[in-house]
Amino acid sequence: MKLLYGTSNKSKIQTMKESVTPLGIEILSLDDVMTPEIDIDESGTSPLENARIKAIAYYNALKIPLFSCDSGLYIDGLEDSRQPGVHVRRINGRRLNDEEMILHYSALAQEFGGSLTARYQNAICLVLSEGLIHEYAGDDIASERFMIVDKPHPKRSEGFPIDSLSVHITSGMYYLDDDNHLNYKQKYFGISNGFATFFKRSLNL
């Protein structure tokens, strides 16, 4: 089965491919289809609202089965008014590039003594037809808790800039230093591979 992933983030597309290819699902990118200019107003206040907004907008334009995901970053102990939430890249009304994000979250960690504990809440909306929509935002597709530290790793993960500041709580190891059981991609796609479980359930695989 072919499904379009409504995102322009190539890193997210590759990671999702690795997650669902064993299920027989072929993930298409926006580059694989003739995509018209689509203006999407991600005005939702939660990852699920934004995933739904994006998926429905892409489906209305393309009329093919597709899904979109969204994430929100939530930092333990940070007051609500300063929580990144779904606006991880948008600070004081301005969209940050990858390096600007690293500088911003590094400074935030430094403000709190050098590290913060955080978690990503993830959501997905799958649109198979106008009347058949599946969506989910459960804990099994959320990330594990991890530390955001003030000293950036020299490596960069394009599209995932906070990876350069992300450290495993138990081992104290940067996720970018481990390609096995501490693989940083687990932060986005869940230790229990919850996204694959979602597709199995929604598509009766």
Protein backbone atom coordinates (compact mmCIF):
# COMPACT_ATOMS: atom_id res chain seq x y z
CA MET A 1 0.00 0.00 0.00
CA LYS A 2 1.18 3.52 -0.82
CA LEU A 3 0.65 6.42 1.57
CA LEU A 4 1.75 10.01 1.12
CA TYR A 5 3.45 11.58 4.13
CA GLY A 6 2.37 15.21 4.23
CA THR A 7 5.64 16.81 5.31
CA SER A 8 8.62 18.49 3.67
CA ASN A 9 11.00 17.25 6.39
CA LYS A 10 13.19 14.62 4.68
CA SER A 11 14.54 13.32 7.98
CA LYS A 12 11.03 12.58 9.22
CA ILE A 13 10.16 10.83 5.95
CA GLN A 14 13.23 8.59 6.14
CA THR A 15 12.57 7.70 9.77
CA MET A 16 8.94 6.84 9.06
CA LYS A 17 10.00 4.67 6.11
CA GLU A 18 12.25 2.69 8.43
CA SER A 19 9.37 2.28 10.85
CA VAL A 20 6.65 1.03 8.47
CA THR A 21 8.41 -0.58 5.49
CA PRO A 22 8.26 -4.00 7.23
CA LEU A 23 4.45 -3.65 7.15
CA GLY A 24 4.42 -3.44 3.36
CA ILE A 25 3.65 0.28 3.35
CA GLU A 26 5.42 2.43 0.78
CA ILE A 27 5.84 6.00 1.98
CA LEU A 28 5.64 8.69 -0.69
CA SER A 29 6.96 12.20 -0.21
CA LEU A 30 5.54 15.43 -1.55
CA ASP A 31 8.32 15.33 -4.16
CA ASP A 32 6.85 12.08 -5.50
CA VAL A 33 3.51 13.64 -6.45
CA MET A 34 2.44 16.72 -8.36
CA THR A 35 1.78 18.87 -5.31
CA PRO A 36 0.11 22.25 -5.84
CA GLU A 37 1.01 25.18 -3.64
CA ILE A 38 -0.80 24.51 -0.38
CA ASP A 39 -1.01 27.18 2.28
CA ILE A 40 -1.48 25.40 5.59
CA ASP A 41 -2.31 27.43 8.67
CA GLU A 42 -0.95 25.35 11.54
CA SER A 43 -2.98 27.24 14.09
CA GLY A 44 -3.78 24.30 16.35
CA THR A 45 -2.94 24.40 20.03
CA SER A 46 -1.95 20.73 20.26
CA PRO A 47 0.01 18.26 18.11
CA LEU A 48 -3.21 16.40 17.24
CA GLU A 49 -4.98 19.55 16.06
CA ASN A 50 -2.07 20.48 13.81
CA ALA A 51 -1.71 16.93 12.45
CA ARG A 52 -5.41 17.00 11.57
CA ILE A 53 -5.20 20.46 9.94
CA LYS A 54 -2.27 19.39 7.76
CA ALA A 55 -3.67 16.00 6.77
CA ILE A 56 -7.07 17.35 5.76
CA ALA A 57 -5.51 20.24 3.82
CA TYR A 58 -3.27 17.88 1.85
CA TYR A 59 -6.12 15.44 1.25
CA ASN A 60 -8.46 18.17 0.00
CA ALA A 61 -5.80 19.23 -2.49
CA LEU A 62 -4.61 15.80 -3.64
CA LYS A 63 -7.45 13.34 -2.98
CA ILE A 64 -5.12 10.44 -2.24
CA PRO A 65 -4.59 8.45 1.00
CA LEU A 66 -2.11 10.28 3.19
CA PHE A 67 -1.16 11.17 6.71
CA SER A 68 0.50 13.99 8.59
CA CYS A 69 2.18 14.10 11.97
CA ASP A 70 2.93 16.85 14.41
CA SER A 71 4.98 17.13 17.58
CA GLY A 72 5.10 19.35 20.62
CA LEU A 73 8.02 19.77 22.99
CA TYR A 74 7.12 19.92 26.67
CA ILE A 75 9.74 20.76 29.29
CA ASP A 76 9.35 19.67 32.89
CA GLY A 77 9.07 22.53 35.38
CA LEU A 78 8.79 25.28 32.76
CA GLU A 79 5.83 27.61 33.21
CA ASP A 80 3.03 27.30 30.68
CA SER A 81 3.74 30.67 29.09
CA ARG A 82 7.25 29.51 28.13
CA GLN A 83 6.46 25.97 27.00
CA PRO A 84 7.49 25.42 23.38
CA GLY A 85 4.59 23.03 22.77
CA VAL A 86 3.71 22.98 19.06
CA HIS A 87 5.76 26.14 18.49
CA VAL A 88 9.17 24.53 18.88
CA ARG A 89 10.66 26.60 16.06
CA ARG A 90 8.72 29.82 16.56
CA ILE A 91 10.13 32.05 19.30
CA ASN A 92 8.75 35.56 19.90
CA GLY A 93 6.87 35.36 16.61
CA ARG A 94 9.90 34.43 14.49
CA ARG A 95 10.65 31.06 12.91
CA LEU A 96 14.15 29.85 13.82
CA ASN A 97 16.47 27.90 11.58
CA ASP A 98 18.30 24.83 12.90
CA GLU A 99 21.33 26.67 14.30
CA GLU A 100 19.17 29.37 15.88
CA MET A 101 17.14 26.66 17.59
CA ILE A 102 20.29 25.08 19.01
CA LEU A 103 21.39 28.45 20.38
CA HIS A 104 17.96 29.18 21.88
CA TYR A 105 17.49 25.84 23.65
CA SER A 106 21.12 25.75 24.76
CA ALA A 107 20.63 29.12 26.43
CA LEU A 108 17.39 27.91 28.03
CA ALA A 109 19.16 24.88 29.49
CA GLN A 110 21.96 27.09 30.77
CA GLU A 111 19.38 29.30 32.48
CA PHE A 112 18.25 26.25 34.48
CA GLY A 113 21.66 25.06 35.57
CA GLY A 114 22.83 23.31 32.41
CA SER A 115 20.06 20.83 31.68
CA LEU A 116 16.31 20.39 31.41
CA THR A 117 14.14 17.27 31.26
CA ALA A 118 11.75 17.18 28.32
CA ARG A 119 9.50 14.98 26.24
CA TYR A 120 7.94 15.10 22.80
CA GLN A 121 4.20 14.52 22.48
CA ASN A 122 3.45 13.23 18.99
CA ALA A 123 0.25 12.91 16.99
CA ILE A 124 -0.80 11.45 13.64
CA CYS A 125 -3.84 11.90 11.40
CA LEU A 126 -4.44 9.40 8.56
CA VAL A 127 -7.00 10.33 5.88
CA LEU A 128 -8.04 7.45 3.64
CA SER A 129 -11.14 9.15 2.23
CA GLU A 130 -13.43 12.03 3.12
CA GLY A 131 -15.38 9.83 5.52
CA LEU A 132 -12.56 7.65 6.81
CA ILE A 133 -10.09 9.40 9.10
CA HIS A 134 -7.97 7.85 11.83
CA GLU A 135 -6.05 9.92 14.35
CA TYR A 136 -4.04 9.21 17.45
CA ALA A 137 -1.90 10.93 20.09
CA GLY A 138 -1.27 8.24 22.71
CA ASP A 139 1.69 7.74 25.00
CA ASP A 140 3.07 4.90 22.86
CA ILE A 141 3.95 7.38 20.11
CA ALA A 142 5.34 9.94 22.54
CA SER A 143 9.05 10.11 23.17
CA GLU A 144 10.89 8.90 26.18
CA ARG A 145 11.98 11.63 28.56
CA PHE A 146 15.41 13.03 27.76
CA MET A 147 17.67 15.88 28.80
CA ILE A 148 18.24 19.07 26.86
CA VAL A 149 21.72 20.30 27.78
CA ASP A 150 23.52 23.58 27.29
CA LYS A 151 26.57 22.18 25.45
CA PRO A 152 25.79 21.26 21.81
CA HIS A 153 27.16 18.10 20.25
CA PRO A 154 29.37 18.86 17.21
CA LYS A 155 27.18 16.66 14.99
CA ARG A 156 24.00 17.93 13.38
CA SER A 157 20.84 16.06 12.39
CA GLU A 158 19.18 18.04 9.61
CA GLY A 159 15.58 18.77 10.47
CA PHE A 160 16.04 17.68 14.09
CA PRO A 161 18.31 20.41 15.54
CA ILE A 162 17.50 19.68 19.19
CA ASP A 163 19.15 16.27 18.71
CA SER A 164 22.44 18.13 19.11
CA LEU A 165 21.40 19.00 22.67
CA SER A 166 19.64 15.73 23.55
CA VAL A 167 21.15 13.43 26.18
CA HIS A 168 19.90 10.09 27.48
CA ILE A 169 18.86 10.49 31.12
CA THR A 170 20.25 7.22 32.45
CA SER A 171 23.53 6.94 30.55
CA GLY A 172 24.35 10.63 30.17
CA MET A 173 25.20 9.90 26.52
CA TYR A 174 24.29 12.16 23.63
CA TYR A 175 21.77 10.37 21.42
CA LEU A 176 23.88 11.30 18.39
CA ASP A 177 26.73 9.15 19.77
CA ASP A 178 24.75 5.89 19.75
CA ASP A 179 23.24 4.15 16.72
CA ASN A 180 21.87 1.13 18.60
CA HIS A 181 19.65 0.92 21.71
CA LEU A 182 19.95 4.64 22.42
CA ASN A 183 19.27 5.67 18.84
CA TYR A 184 18.00 9.24 18.96
CA LYS A 185 15.25 8.41 16.44
CA GLN A 186 13.48 6.55 19.23
CA LYS A 187 12.58 9.95 20.67
CA TYR A 188 10.31 10.60 17.73
CA PHE A 189 8.97 7.16 16.91
CA GLY A 190 8.68 5.56 20.32
CA ILE A 191 10.50 2.69 21.98
CA SER A 192 7.47 0.45 21.37
CA ASN A 193 7.20 1.47 17.70
CA GLY A 194 3.77 2.91 18.33
CA PHE A 195 3.44 4.38 14.84
CA ALA A 196 3.68 0.92 13.28
CA THR A 197 1.01 -0.27 15.72
CA PHE A 198 -1.21 2.64 14.68
CA PHE A 199 -0.95 1.71 11.00
CA LYS A 200 -1.60 -1.97 11.71
CA ARG A 201 -4.74 -1.08 13.62
CA SER A 202 -6.01 1.57 11.19
CA LEU A 203 -5.32 -0.41 8.00
CA ASN A 204 -6.16 -3.87 9.38
CA LEU A 205 -2.71 -5.17 8.53
